[in-house]
């Protein structure tokens, strides 16, 4: 039987409790044995983003956030590539290294509504499922309408799932830090300690909201 693996990518700038709760719910509902947390090297949709801390800082925060859950596995597959992080490249590499894995790519509904995906049909051909998660502020009917007009070979790979309503975002965390406010209970305690120790995100509070998704 193929090992069922979830793929959760993003900038994780920083990783927060919403990411972890969403991943745990996805693992339960899709019966995933592991979920790979994959920080981007260079996000294709925001290559010159203000406030993006180093890949190594984001990598260490992902490790700190996931260490106590045996199903959550940090992966450097994109950080070590040293170029723009396209999801297709990552899935091709994972498929080559682990041909017996059943891969389930997990993303937010906003990514489907707002972004053009690099090699989307080929990406889906390599997956067992493309999991779209509804999130606060996203109209579920709008996602369904977009999926309905897709070709059958693509539509059949798409799995729509609802996530708990969690009002946490990396953008808000960075804004609160820049304003000297607490982020307690928004991120795991080891991540909060790391941010404070390294003095991360204590910059410009007028940062524009980010779009948290991986292409």
N, C-alpha and C. Protein backbone atom coordinates (compact mmCIF):
# COMPACT_ATOMS: atom_id res chain seq x y z
N UNK A 1 0.85 -1.20 0.00
CA UNK A 1 0.00 0.00 0.00
C UNK A 1 0.89 1.25 0.00
N UNK A 2 0.59 2.22 -0.86
CA UNK A 2 1.38 3.44 -0.95
C UNK A 2 1.26 4.27 0.33
N UNK A 3 2.37 4.84 0.72
CA UNK A 3 2.39 5.71 1.89
C UNK A 3 1.73 7.04 1.54
N UNK A 4 0.78 7.47 2.35
CA UNK A 4 0.02 8.69 2.08
C UNK A 4 0.72 9.88 2.76
N UNK A 5 1.20 10.81 1.92
CA UNK A 5 2.01 11.92 2.39
C UNK A 5 1.36 13.24 2.00
N UNK A 6 1.20 14.14 2.96
CA UNK A 6 0.73 15.49 2.68
C UNK A 6 1.89 16.42 2.42
N UNK A 7 1.68 17.40 1.56
CA UNK A 7 2.69 18.40 1.22
C UNK A 7 2.12 19.78 1.58
N UNK A 8 2.74 20.45 2.54
CA UNK A 8 2.29 21.78 2.95
C UNK A 8 3.45 22.76 2.79
N UNK A 9 3.37 23.61 1.79
CA UNK A 9 4.43 24.57 1.52
C UNK A 9 4.00 25.98 1.86
N UNK A 10 4.95 26.88 1.91
CA UNK A 10 4.66 28.28 2.19
C UNK A 10 5.91 29.01 2.64
N UNK A 11 5.79 30.31 2.83
CA UNK A 11 6.94 31.04 3.35
C UNK A 11 7.15 30.72 4.82
N UNK A 12 6.05 30.43 5.56
CA UNK A 12 6.14 30.21 7.01
C UNK A 12 6.94 31.36 7.64
N UNK A 13 6.39 32.56 7.48
CA UNK A 13 7.11 33.80 7.81
C UNK A 13 6.36 34.64 8.86
N UNK A 14 6.15 34.12 10.10
CA UNK A 14 6.62 32.84 10.62
C UNK A 14 5.53 31.77 10.57
N UNK A 15 5.92 30.52 10.82
CA UNK A 15 4.96 29.44 11.02
C UNK A 15 4.16 29.76 12.29
N UNK A 16 2.88 29.41 12.31
CA UNK A 16 2.05 29.73 13.47
C UNK A 16 1.09 28.58 13.77
N UNK A 17 0.31 28.74 14.85
CA UNK A 17 -0.56 27.66 15.30
C UNK A 17 -1.66 27.34 14.29
N UNK A 18 -2.05 28.31 13.48
CA UNK A 18 -3.05 28.03 12.45
C UNK A 18 -2.54 27.01 11.45
N UNK A 19 -1.27 27.13 11.05
CA UNK A 19 -0.67 26.13 10.15
C UNK A 19 -0.74 24.74 10.77
N UNK A 20 -0.40 24.66 12.06
CA UNK A 20 -0.32 23.36 12.72
C UNK A 20 -1.70 22.73 12.90
N UNK A 21 -2.67 23.53 13.28
CA UNK A 21 -4.03 23.02 13.46
C UNK A 21 -4.60 22.54 12.13
N UNK A 22 -4.38 23.33 11.08
CA UNK A 22 -4.84 22.95 9.74
C UNK A 22 -4.19 21.65 9.28
N UNK A 23 -2.89 21.52 9.50
CA UNK A 23 -2.19 20.30 9.09
C UNK A 23 -2.68 19.09 9.86
N UNK A 24 -2.91 19.24 11.14
CA UNK A 24 -3.39 18.11 11.94
C UNK A 24 -4.78 17.67 11.49
N UNK A 25 -5.65 18.64 11.19
CA UNK A 25 -6.99 18.31 10.71
C UNK A 25 -6.92 17.59 9.35
N UNK A 26 -6.06 18.08 8.46
CA UNK A 26 -5.91 17.45 7.15
C UNK A 26 -5.38 16.03 7.29
N UNK A 27 -4.43 15.84 8.19
CA UNK A 27 -3.87 14.50 8.39
C UNK A 27 -4.94 13.53 8.86
N UNK A 28 -5.79 13.98 9.75
CA UNK A 28 -6.86 13.12 10.27
C UNK A 28 -7.88 12.79 9.18
N UNK A 29 -8.36 13.81 8.47
CA UNK A 29 -9.44 13.61 7.52
C UNK A 29 -9.01 12.84 6.27
N UNK A 30 -7.74 13.01 5.87
CA UNK A 30 -7.24 12.35 4.66
C UNK A 30 -6.43 11.10 4.97
N UNK A 31 -6.33 10.76 6.27
CA UNK A 31 -5.59 9.58 6.72
C UNK A 31 -4.15 9.61 6.21
N UNK A 32 -3.51 10.76 6.42
CA UNK A 32 -2.13 10.94 5.99
C UNK A 32 -1.18 10.42 7.06
N UNK A 33 -0.15 9.71 6.63
CA UNK A 33 0.83 9.18 7.57
C UNK A 33 1.83 10.24 8.00
N UNK A 34 2.14 11.15 7.08
CA UNK A 34 3.06 12.24 7.38
C UNK A 34 2.63 13.47 6.59
N UNK A 35 3.02 14.64 7.11
CA UNK A 35 2.88 15.88 6.35
C UNK A 35 4.25 16.55 6.30
N UNK A 36 4.72 16.83 5.08
CA UNK A 36 5.98 17.53 4.91
C UNK A 36 5.73 19.04 4.95
N UNK A 37 6.42 19.74 5.84
CA UNK A 37 6.37 21.20 5.91
C UNK A 37 7.56 21.72 5.10
N UNK A 38 7.28 22.44 4.01
CA UNK A 38 8.32 22.83 3.07
C UNK A 38 8.39 24.35 2.96
N UNK A 39 9.34 24.98 3.65
CA UNK A 39 9.51 26.43 3.48
C UNK A 39 10.02 26.77 2.08
N UNK A 40 9.47 27.83 1.49
CA UNK A 40 9.95 28.30 0.18
C UNK A 40 11.37 28.84 0.28
N UNK A 41 12.10 28.72 -0.81
CA UNK A 41 13.36 29.44 -0.95
C UNK A 41 13.08 30.86 -1.43
N UNK A 42 12.53 30.97 -2.66
CA UNK A 42 12.13 32.26 -3.22
C UNK A 42 10.69 32.11 -3.71
N UNK A 43 9.71 32.67 -3.02
CA UNK A 43 8.30 32.54 -3.45
C UNK A 43 8.09 33.19 -4.81
N UNK A 44 7.53 32.49 -5.79
CA UNK A 44 7.39 33.06 -7.13
C UNK A 44 6.45 34.24 -7.19
N UNK A 45 5.48 34.31 -6.27
CA UNK A 45 4.49 35.38 -6.33
C UNK A 45 4.87 36.59 -5.49
N UNK A 46 6.01 36.54 -4.78
CA UNK A 46 6.48 37.72 -4.04
C UNK A 46 7.99 37.63 -3.85
N UNK A 47 8.68 37.74 -4.97
CA UNK A 47 10.13 37.55 -4.97
C UNK A 47 10.88 38.65 -4.23
N UNK A 48 10.27 39.85 -4.17
CA UNK A 48 10.95 40.97 -3.51
C UNK A 48 10.16 41.43 -2.30
N UNK A 49 9.56 40.49 -1.61
CA UNK A 49 8.69 40.83 -0.49
C UNK A 49 9.45 41.47 0.66
N UNK A 50 8.89 42.54 1.17
CA UNK A 50 9.45 43.18 2.34
C UNK A 50 9.09 42.38 3.59
N UNK A 51 10.06 42.20 4.50
CA UNK A 51 9.77 41.53 5.76
C UNK A 51 9.96 40.03 5.73
N UNK A 52 10.47 39.47 4.62
CA UNK A 52 10.72 38.03 4.55
C UNK A 52 12.08 37.75 5.18
N UNK A 53 12.09 37.05 6.32
CA UNK A 53 13.36 36.76 6.99
C UNK A 53 14.08 35.64 6.24
N UNK A 54 15.29 35.35 6.64
CA UNK A 54 16.12 34.39 5.91
C UNK A 54 15.50 32.99 5.90
N UNK A 55 15.87 32.23 4.89
CA UNK A 55 15.41 30.85 4.80
C UNK A 55 15.84 30.04 6.00
N UNK A 56 17.03 30.29 6.53
CA UNK A 56 17.50 29.53 7.68
C UNK A 56 16.69 29.85 8.93
N UNK A 57 16.32 31.11 9.13
CA UNK A 57 15.46 31.45 10.27
C UNK A 57 14.11 30.77 10.14
N UNK A 58 13.53 30.81 8.95
CA UNK A 58 12.22 30.18 8.75
C UNK A 58 12.31 28.66 8.91
N UNK A 59 13.41 28.07 8.44
CA UNK A 59 13.64 26.63 8.58
C UNK A 59 13.71 26.23 10.06
N UNK A 60 14.47 26.99 10.84
CA UNK A 60 14.59 26.66 12.25
C UNK A 60 13.27 26.82 12.99
N UNK A 61 12.48 27.83 12.62
CA UNK A 61 11.17 28.00 13.25
C UNK A 61 10.23 26.84 12.91
N UNK A 62 10.29 26.35 11.67
CA UNK A 62 9.48 25.19 11.29
C UNK A 62 9.90 23.97 12.10
N UNK A 63 11.20 23.78 12.28
CA UNK A 63 11.67 22.66 13.10
C UNK A 63 11.17 22.78 14.54
N UNK A 64 11.26 23.98 15.10
CA UNK A 64 10.82 24.18 16.47
C UNK A 64 9.31 23.95 16.62
N UNK A 65 8.56 24.32 15.61
CA UNK A 65 7.09 24.20 15.68
C UNK A 65 6.61 22.76 15.53
N UNK A 66 7.38 21.92 14.87
CA UNK A 66 6.89 20.58 14.51
C UNK A 66 7.57 19.45 15.26
N UNK A 67 8.55 19.73 16.09
CA UNK A 67 9.39 18.68 16.67
C UNK A 67 8.60 17.67 17.50
N UNK A 68 7.48 18.09 18.13
CA UNK A 68 6.77 17.20 19.04
C UNK A 68 5.63 16.44 18.38
N UNK A 69 5.50 16.53 17.05
CA UNK A 69 4.46 15.78 16.34
C UNK A 69 5.15 14.84 15.35
N UNK A 70 5.12 13.53 15.59
CA UNK A 70 5.85 12.60 14.72
C UNK A 70 5.34 12.57 13.28
N UNK A 71 4.12 13.08 13.05
CA UNK A 71 3.58 13.11 11.69
C UNK A 71 4.06 14.31 10.89
N UNK A 72 4.58 15.31 11.58
CA UNK A 72 5.02 16.54 10.92
C UNK A 72 6.52 16.48 10.65
N UNK A 73 6.88 16.54 9.37
CA UNK A 73 8.28 16.38 8.96
C UNK A 73 8.75 17.63 8.21
N UNK A 74 9.68 18.41 8.78
CA UNK A 74 10.24 19.54 8.03
C UNK A 74 11.08 19.04 6.86
N UNK A 75 11.02 19.77 5.75
CA UNK A 75 11.80 19.40 4.56
C UNK A 75 12.51 20.62 4.00
N UNK A 76 13.78 20.45 3.63
CA UNK A 76 14.58 21.53 3.04
C UNK A 76 14.60 21.46 1.51
N UNK A 77 13.74 20.69 0.92
CA UNK A 77 13.82 20.41 -0.52
C UNK A 77 13.80 21.69 -1.36
N UNK A 78 13.09 22.72 -0.93
CA UNK A 78 13.07 23.98 -1.69
C UNK A 78 14.17 24.93 -1.22
N UNK A 79 14.47 24.95 0.07
CA UNK A 79 15.52 25.83 0.56
C UNK A 79 16.87 25.48 -0.04
N UNK A 80 17.12 24.20 -0.25
CA UNK A 80 18.41 23.76 -0.78
C UNK A 80 18.51 23.89 -2.30
N UNK A 81 17.42 24.27 -2.95
CA UNK A 81 17.43 24.39 -4.40
C UNK A 81 18.01 25.73 -4.85
N UNK A 82 17.97 26.74 -4.00
CA UNK A 82 18.58 28.05 -4.25
C UNK A 82 18.07 28.72 -5.53
N UNK A 83 16.79 28.56 -5.79
CA UNK A 83 16.17 29.29 -6.90
C UNK A 83 14.69 29.45 -6.58
N UNK A 84 13.96 30.05 -7.50
CA UNK A 84 12.52 30.27 -7.29
C UNK A 84 11.84 28.93 -7.01
N UNK A 85 10.96 28.93 -6.00
CA UNK A 85 10.30 27.70 -5.56
C UNK A 85 8.99 27.47 -6.30
N UNK A 86 9.01 26.62 -7.31
CA UNK A 86 7.79 26.21 -7.99
C UNK A 86 7.34 24.86 -7.45
N UNK A 87 6.06 24.76 -7.13
CA UNK A 87 5.53 23.52 -6.58
C UNK A 87 5.75 22.33 -7.51
N UNK A 88 5.64 22.57 -8.83
CA UNK A 88 5.84 21.50 -9.79
C UNK A 88 7.23 20.88 -9.64
N UNK A 89 8.26 21.72 -9.53
CA UNK A 89 9.62 21.21 -9.37
C UNK A 89 9.74 20.34 -8.12
N UNK A 90 9.10 20.78 -7.04
CA UNK A 90 9.16 20.04 -5.78
C UNK A 90 8.48 18.68 -5.90
N UNK A 91 7.30 18.66 -6.51
CA UNK A 91 6.57 17.39 -6.64
C UNK A 91 7.30 16.43 -7.59
N UNK A 92 7.88 16.96 -8.67
CA UNK A 92 8.66 16.12 -9.57
C UNK A 92 9.82 15.47 -8.82
N UNK A 93 10.50 16.24 -8.00
CA UNK A 93 11.64 15.71 -7.25
C UNK A 93 11.19 14.68 -6.22
N UNK A 94 10.12 14.99 -5.49
CA UNK A 94 9.62 14.03 -4.50
C UNK A 94 9.16 12.74 -5.15
N UNK A 95 8.49 12.85 -6.29
CA UNK A 95 8.02 11.67 -7.01
C UNK A 95 9.20 10.81 -7.48
N UNK A 96 10.28 11.48 -7.92
CA UNK A 96 11.47 10.75 -8.37
C UNK A 96 12.14 10.02 -7.21
N UNK A 97 12.21 10.67 -6.06
CA UNK A 97 12.88 10.07 -4.90
C UNK A 97 12.03 9.02 -4.21
N UNK A 98 10.70 9.18 -4.30
CA UNK A 98 9.79 8.28 -3.56
C UNK A 98 8.63 7.87 -4.45
N UNK A 99 8.86 7.02 -5.44
CA UNK A 99 7.81 6.68 -6.41
C UNK A 99 6.62 5.94 -5.80
N UNK A 100 6.80 5.40 -4.60
CA UNK A 100 5.71 4.66 -3.97
C UNK A 100 4.84 5.53 -3.07
N UNK A 101 5.13 6.82 -2.99
CA UNK A 101 4.31 7.70 -2.16
C UNK A 101 3.07 8.15 -2.90
N UNK A 102 1.95 8.23 -2.18
CA UNK A 102 0.74 8.89 -2.67
C UNK A 102 0.76 10.31 -2.11
N UNK A 103 0.95 11.29 -2.99
CA UNK A 103 1.16 12.66 -2.57
C UNK A 103 -0.12 13.48 -2.61
N UNK A 104 -0.38 14.20 -1.52
CA UNK A 104 -1.54 15.08 -1.41
C UNK A 104 -1.05 16.49 -1.14
N UNK A 105 -1.18 17.35 -2.15
CA UNK A 105 -0.71 18.73 -2.04
C UNK A 105 -1.80 19.55 -1.35
N UNK A 106 -1.43 20.28 -0.29
CA UNK A 106 -2.39 21.02 0.52
C UNK A 106 -2.16 22.52 0.35
N UNK A 107 -3.21 23.25 0.00
CA UNK A 107 -3.08 24.69 -0.17
C UNK A 107 -4.38 25.39 0.24
N UNK A 108 -4.28 26.69 0.43
CA UNK A 108 -5.45 27.47 0.79
C UNK A 108 -6.29 27.84 -0.42
N UNK A 109 -7.56 28.09 -0.19
CA UNK A 109 -8.47 28.43 -1.28
C UNK A 109 -8.05 29.71 -1.99
N UNK A 110 -7.41 30.64 -1.27
CA UNK A 110 -7.00 31.90 -1.90
C UNK A 110 -5.98 31.66 -3.00
N UNK A 111 -5.18 30.61 -2.89
CA UNK A 111 -4.16 30.32 -3.91
C UNK A 111 -4.81 29.94 -5.23
N UNK A 112 -5.92 29.22 -5.17
CA UNK A 112 -6.63 28.82 -6.39
C UNK A 112 -7.33 30.02 -7.01
N UNK A 113 -7.84 30.92 -6.19
CA UNK A 113 -8.61 32.05 -6.70
C UNK A 113 -7.73 33.17 -7.26
N UNK A 114 -6.52 33.31 -6.74
CA UNK A 114 -5.73 34.51 -7.05
C UNK A 114 -4.50 34.28 -7.91
N UNK A 115 -3.99 33.05 -7.99
CA UNK A 115 -2.69 32.85 -8.63
C UNK A 115 -2.79 32.01 -9.88
N UNK A 116 -1.85 32.26 -10.79
CA UNK A 116 -1.63 31.40 -11.94
C UNK A 116 -0.57 30.38 -11.53
N UNK A 117 -0.88 29.09 -11.70
CA UNK A 117 0.01 28.04 -11.25
C UNK A 117 0.90 27.55 -12.39
N UNK A 118 2.19 27.44 -12.10
CA UNK A 118 3.18 26.97 -13.06
C UNK A 118 2.99 25.47 -13.32
N UNK A 119 2.66 25.11 -14.57
CA UNK A 119 2.52 23.70 -14.94
C UNK A 119 1.43 22.97 -14.19
N UNK A 120 0.28 23.63 -14.02
CA UNK A 120 -0.78 23.06 -13.16
C UNK A 120 -1.26 21.68 -13.61
N UNK A 121 -1.57 21.44 -14.89
CA UNK A 121 -2.02 20.10 -15.29
C UNK A 121 -0.98 19.01 -15.00
N UNK A 122 0.31 19.32 -15.26
CA UNK A 122 1.36 18.34 -14.98
C UNK A 122 1.47 18.10 -13.47
N UNK A 123 1.35 19.18 -12.70
CA UNK A 123 1.41 19.05 -11.24
C UNK A 123 0.34 18.07 -10.75
N UNK A 124 -0.89 18.25 -11.22
CA UNK A 124 -1.97 17.38 -10.77
C UNK A 124 -1.79 15.94 -11.22
N UNK A 125 -1.17 15.76 -12.39
CA UNK A 125 -0.96 14.40 -12.89
C UNK A 125 -0.04 13.58 -11.98
N UNK A 126 0.79 14.27 -11.19
CA UNK A 126 1.74 13.59 -10.32
C UNK A 126 1.20 13.38 -8.91
N UNK A 127 0.01 13.91 -8.64
CA UNK A 127 -0.57 13.86 -7.30
C UNK A 127 -1.70 12.84 -7.19
N UNK A 128 -1.89 12.35 -5.97
CA UNK A 128 -3.09 11.56 -5.68
C UNK A 128 -4.25 12.48 -5.33
N UNK A 129 -3.95 13.68 -4.84
CA UNK A 129 -4.99 14.64 -4.53
C UNK A 129 -4.43 16.03 -4.37
N UNK A 130 -5.19 17.02 -4.85
CA UNK A 130 -4.86 18.43 -4.68
C UNK A 130 -5.90 18.99 -3.72
N UNK A 131 -5.49 19.22 -2.49
CA UNK A 131 -6.42 19.53 -1.40
C UNK A 131 -6.54 21.04 -1.24
N UNK A 132 -7.75 21.56 -1.41
CA UNK A 132 -8.01 22.99 -1.26
C UNK A 132 -8.74 23.21 0.05
N UNK A 133 -8.16 24.03 0.91
CA UNK A 133 -8.74 24.29 2.23
C UNK A 133 -9.44 25.64 2.25
N UNK A 134 -10.69 25.65 2.69
CA UNK A 134 -11.40 26.91 2.88
C UNK A 134 -10.85 27.60 4.11
N UNK A 135 -10.66 28.91 4.02
CA UNK A 135 -10.10 29.69 5.11
C UNK A 135 -10.95 30.93 5.36
N UNK A 136 -10.78 31.57 6.52
CA UNK A 136 -11.55 32.80 6.80
C UNK A 136 -11.41 33.81 5.68
N UNK A 137 -12.55 34.39 5.26
CA UNK A 137 -12.54 35.42 4.24
C UNK A 137 -12.64 34.88 2.82
N UNK A 138 -12.64 33.59 2.66
CA UNK A 138 -12.73 32.98 1.34
C UNK A 138 -14.14 32.43 1.14
N UNK A 139 -14.76 32.79 0.02
CA UNK A 139 -16.12 32.32 -0.27
C UNK A 139 -16.05 30.93 -0.88
N UNK A 140 -16.57 29.95 -0.16
CA UNK A 140 -16.47 28.56 -0.61
C UNK A 140 -17.15 28.35 -1.96
N UNK A 141 -18.28 29.02 -2.18
CA UNK A 141 -19.00 28.87 -3.45
C UNK A 141 -18.14 29.34 -4.63
N UNK A 142 -17.34 30.37 -4.42
CA UNK A 142 -16.48 30.88 -5.48
C UNK A 142 -15.44 29.83 -5.87
N UNK A 143 -14.92 29.12 -4.88
CA UNK A 143 -13.96 28.05 -5.16
C UNK A 143 -14.64 26.92 -5.93
N UNK A 144 -15.82 26.53 -5.49
CA UNK A 144 -16.56 25.46 -6.17
C UNK A 144 -16.82 25.82 -7.64
N UNK A 145 -17.19 27.07 -7.87
CA UNK A 145 -17.48 27.50 -9.24
C UNK A 145 -16.23 27.40 -10.11
N UNK A 146 -15.10 27.78 -9.57
CA UNK A 146 -13.86 27.70 -10.35
C UNK A 146 -13.49 26.25 -10.64
N UNK A 147 -13.69 25.38 -9.66
CA UNK A 147 -13.37 23.96 -9.84
C UNK A 147 -14.31 23.32 -10.87
N UNK A 148 -15.56 23.71 -10.85
CA UNK A 148 -16.56 23.09 -11.73
C UNK A 148 -16.24 23.31 -13.21
N UNK A 149 -15.59 24.40 -13.57
CA UNK A 149 -15.33 24.66 -14.98
C UNK A 149 -13.99 24.07 -15.44
N UNK A 150 -13.29 23.40 -14.52
CA UNK A 150 -12.01 22.78 -14.89
C UNK A 150 -12.25 21.50 -15.67
N UNK A 151 -11.31 21.08 -16.52
CA UNK A 151 -11.43 19.80 -17.23
C UNK A 151 -11.57 18.64 -16.25
N UNK A 152 -12.24 17.58 -16.66
CA UNK A 152 -12.53 16.46 -15.77
C UNK A 152 -11.27 15.84 -15.18
N UNK A 153 -10.20 15.73 -16.00
CA UNK A 153 -8.98 15.08 -15.51
C UNK A 153 -8.31 15.89 -14.40
N UNK A 154 -8.58 17.19 -14.37
CA UNK A 154 -8.08 18.04 -13.29
C UNK A 154 -9.05 18.03 -12.12
N UNK A 155 -10.32 18.21 -12.42
CA UNK A 155 -11.35 18.29 -11.38
C UNK A 155 -11.38 17.04 -10.52
N UNK A 156 -11.12 15.89 -11.11
CA UNK A 156 -11.18 14.63 -10.37
C UNK A 156 -10.07 14.49 -9.33
N UNK A 157 -9.03 15.29 -9.45
CA UNK A 157 -7.94 15.24 -8.47
C UNK A 157 -8.14 16.20 -7.31
N UNK A 158 -9.11 17.10 -7.43
CA UNK A 158 -9.26 18.17 -6.43
C UNK A 158 -10.18 17.72 -5.29
N UNK A 159 -9.70 17.98 -4.07
CA UNK A 159 -10.45 17.63 -2.86
C UNK A 159 -10.69 18.92 -2.08
N UNK A 160 -11.95 19.28 -1.86
CA UNK A 160 -12.29 20.48 -1.10
C UNK A 160 -12.54 20.12 0.36
N UNK A 161 -11.87 20.84 1.26
CA UNK A 161 -12.02 20.60 2.69
C UNK A 161 -12.19 21.93 3.41
N UNK A 162 -12.99 21.91 4.47
CA UNK A 162 -13.13 23.10 5.30
C UNK A 162 -12.15 23.00 6.47
N UNK A 163 -11.62 24.14 6.89
CA UNK A 163 -10.72 24.19 8.03
C UNK A 163 -11.37 24.96 9.17
N UNK A 164 -10.92 24.74 10.41
CA UNK A 164 -11.48 25.51 11.53
C UNK A 164 -11.25 27.01 11.30
N UNK A 165 -12.15 27.82 11.82
CA UNK A 165 -12.03 29.27 11.70
C UNK A 165 -10.98 29.75 12.71
N UNK A 166 -9.77 29.99 12.21
CA UNK A 166 -8.66 30.39 13.08
C UNK A 166 -8.16 31.75 12.60
N UNK A 167 -8.38 32.76 13.41
CA UNK A 167 -8.00 34.12 13.01
C UNK A 167 -6.55 34.40 13.37
N UNK A 168 -5.65 33.65 12.75
CA UNK A 168 -4.22 33.88 12.92
C UNK A 168 -3.59 33.96 11.55
N UNK A 169 -2.74 34.93 11.33
CA UNK A 169 -2.01 35.01 10.08
C UNK A 169 -0.59 35.48 10.36
N UNK A 170 0.33 35.10 9.48
CA UNK A 170 1.71 35.54 9.62
C UNK A 170 1.81 37.06 9.50
N UNK A 171 0.98 37.64 8.64
CA UNK A 171 0.97 39.09 8.47
C UNK A 171 0.64 39.79 9.79
N UNK A 172 -0.39 39.32 10.46
CA UNK A 172 -0.80 39.93 11.73
C UNK A 172 0.27 39.74 12.79
N UNK A 173 0.90 38.56 12.81
CA UNK A 173 1.96 38.31 13.78
C UNK A 173 3.11 39.30 13.58
N UNK A 174 3.53 39.49 12.34
CA UNK A 174 4.61 40.42 12.07
C UNK A 174 4.22 41.86 12.45
N UNK A 175 2.99 42.22 12.17
CA UNK A 175 2.52 43.57 12.50
C UNK A 175 2.51 43.78 14.02
N UNK A 176 2.05 42.78 14.75
CA UNK A 176 2.01 42.88 16.22
C UNK A 176 3.43 43.01 16.79
N UNK A 177 4.35 42.23 16.24
CA UNK A 177 5.73 42.31 16.72
C UNK A 177 6.33 43.69 16.43
N UNK A 178 6.06 44.22 15.25
CA UNK A 178 6.58 45.54 14.89
C UNK A 178 6.02 46.63 15.81
N UNK A 179 4.81 46.39 16.34
CA UNK A 179 4.18 47.36 17.23
C UNK A 179 4.44 47.08 18.70
N UNK A 180 5.27 46.04 18.97
CA UNK A 180 5.62 45.72 20.34
C UNK A 180 4.52 44.99 21.10
N UNK A 181 3.60 44.33 20.39
CA UNK A 181 2.50 43.62 21.02
C UNK A 181 2.82 42.14 21.18
N UNK A 182 2.08 41.47 22.04
CA UNK A 182 2.32 40.06 22.33
C UNK A 182 1.81 39.16 21.19
N UNK A 183 2.53 38.07 20.94
CA UNK A 183 2.06 37.03 20.01
C UNK A 183 1.86 35.71 20.75
N UNK A 184 1.76 35.77 22.06
CA UNK A 184 1.54 34.57 22.86
C UNK A 184 0.26 33.87 22.40
N UNK A 185 0.31 32.55 22.30
CA UNK A 185 -0.78 31.68 21.87
C UNK A 185 -1.06 31.75 20.36
N UNK A 186 -0.31 32.57 19.65
CA UNK A 186 -0.44 32.61 18.19
C UNK A 186 0.58 31.70 17.52
N UNK A 187 1.71 31.51 18.17
CA UNK A 187 2.76 30.62 17.68
C UNK A 187 3.15 29.68 18.82
N UNK A 188 3.76 28.53 18.50
CA UNK A 188 4.24 27.65 19.58
C UNK A 188 5.28 28.38 20.43
N UNK A 189 5.33 28.09 21.74
CA UNK A 189 6.28 28.79 22.62
C UNK A 189 7.74 28.76 22.13
N UNK A 190 8.25 27.63 21.59
CA UNK A 190 9.65 27.67 21.11
C UNK A 190 9.85 28.65 19.95
N UNK A 191 8.82 28.82 19.12
CA UNK A 191 8.92 29.77 18.01
C UNK A 191 8.90 31.19 18.54
N UNK A 192 8.04 31.45 19.51
CA UNK A 192 8.01 32.78 20.12
C UNK A 192 9.36 33.12 20.74
N UNK A 193 9.96 32.16 21.44
CA UNK A 193 11.27 32.39 22.07
C UNK A 193 12.34 32.67 21.02
N UNK A 194 12.30 31.93 19.91
CA UNK A 194 13.29 32.12 18.85
C UNK A 194 13.15 33.51 18.23
N UNK A 195 11.92 33.93 17.97
CA UNK A 195 11.67 35.25 17.39
C UNK A 195 12.21 36.35 18.30
N UNK A 196 11.95 36.20 19.61
CA UNK A 196 12.42 37.21 20.55
C UNK A 196 13.95 37.20 20.65
N UNK A 197 14.53 36.01 20.67
CA UNK A 197 15.99 35.89 20.80
C UNK A 197 16.70 36.50 19.59
N UNK A 198 16.16 36.24 18.39
CA UNK A 198 16.79 36.73 17.16
C UNK A 198 16.30 38.13 16.77
N UNK A 199 15.34 38.64 17.52
CA UNK A 199 14.79 39.98 17.28
C UNK A 199 14.24 40.09 15.85
N UNK A 200 13.45 39.08 15.46
CA UNK A 200 12.87 39.04 14.12
C UNK A 200 11.58 39.85 14.05
N UNK A 201 11.34 40.45 12.90
CA UNK A 201 10.09 41.13 12.58
C UNK A 201 9.86 42.42 13.37
N UNK A 202 10.87 42.97 13.97
CA UNK A 202 10.69 44.23 14.69
C UNK A 202 10.99 45.39 13.77
N UNK A 203 10.33 45.37 12.61
CA UNK A 203 10.58 46.37 11.59
C UNK A 203 9.41 47.30 11.37
N UNK A 204 9.07 47.49 10.09
CA UNK A 204 8.04 48.45 9.69
C UNK A 204 6.66 47.88 9.90
N UNK A 205 5.81 48.45 10.79
CA UNK A 205 4.46 47.94 11.02
C UNK A 205 3.50 48.23 9.88
N UNK A 206 3.93 49.04 8.89
CA UNK A 206 3.04 49.39 7.79
C UNK A 206 3.17 48.44 6.61
N UNK A 207 3.67 47.24 6.86
CA UNK A 207 3.84 46.25 5.80
C UNK A 207 2.50 45.89 5.17
N UNK A 208 2.51 45.73 3.87
CA UNK A 208 1.28 45.35 3.18
C UNK A 208 0.95 43.89 3.48
N UNK A 209 -0.36 43.54 3.59
CA UNK A 209 -0.74 42.16 3.86
C UNK A 209 -0.20 41.23 2.79
N UNK A 210 0.23 40.04 3.20
CA UNK A 210 0.75 39.07 2.27
C UNK A 210 -0.32 38.11 1.81
N UNK A 211 -0.07 37.46 0.70
CA UNK A 211 -0.94 36.38 0.24
C UNK A 211 -0.23 35.09 0.54
N UNK A 212 -0.73 34.30 1.50
CA UNK A 212 -0.01 33.14 1.95
C UNK A 212 -0.39 31.93 1.14
N UNK A 213 0.42 31.63 0.17
CA UNK A 213 0.18 30.46 -0.66
C UNK A 213 1.45 30.09 -1.37
N UNK A 214 1.52 28.87 -1.81
CA UNK A 214 2.69 28.39 -2.54
C UNK A 214 2.28 28.04 -3.95
N UNK A 215 3.10 28.43 -4.91
CA UNK A 215 2.88 28.03 -6.29
C UNK A 215 3.94 27.03 -6.70
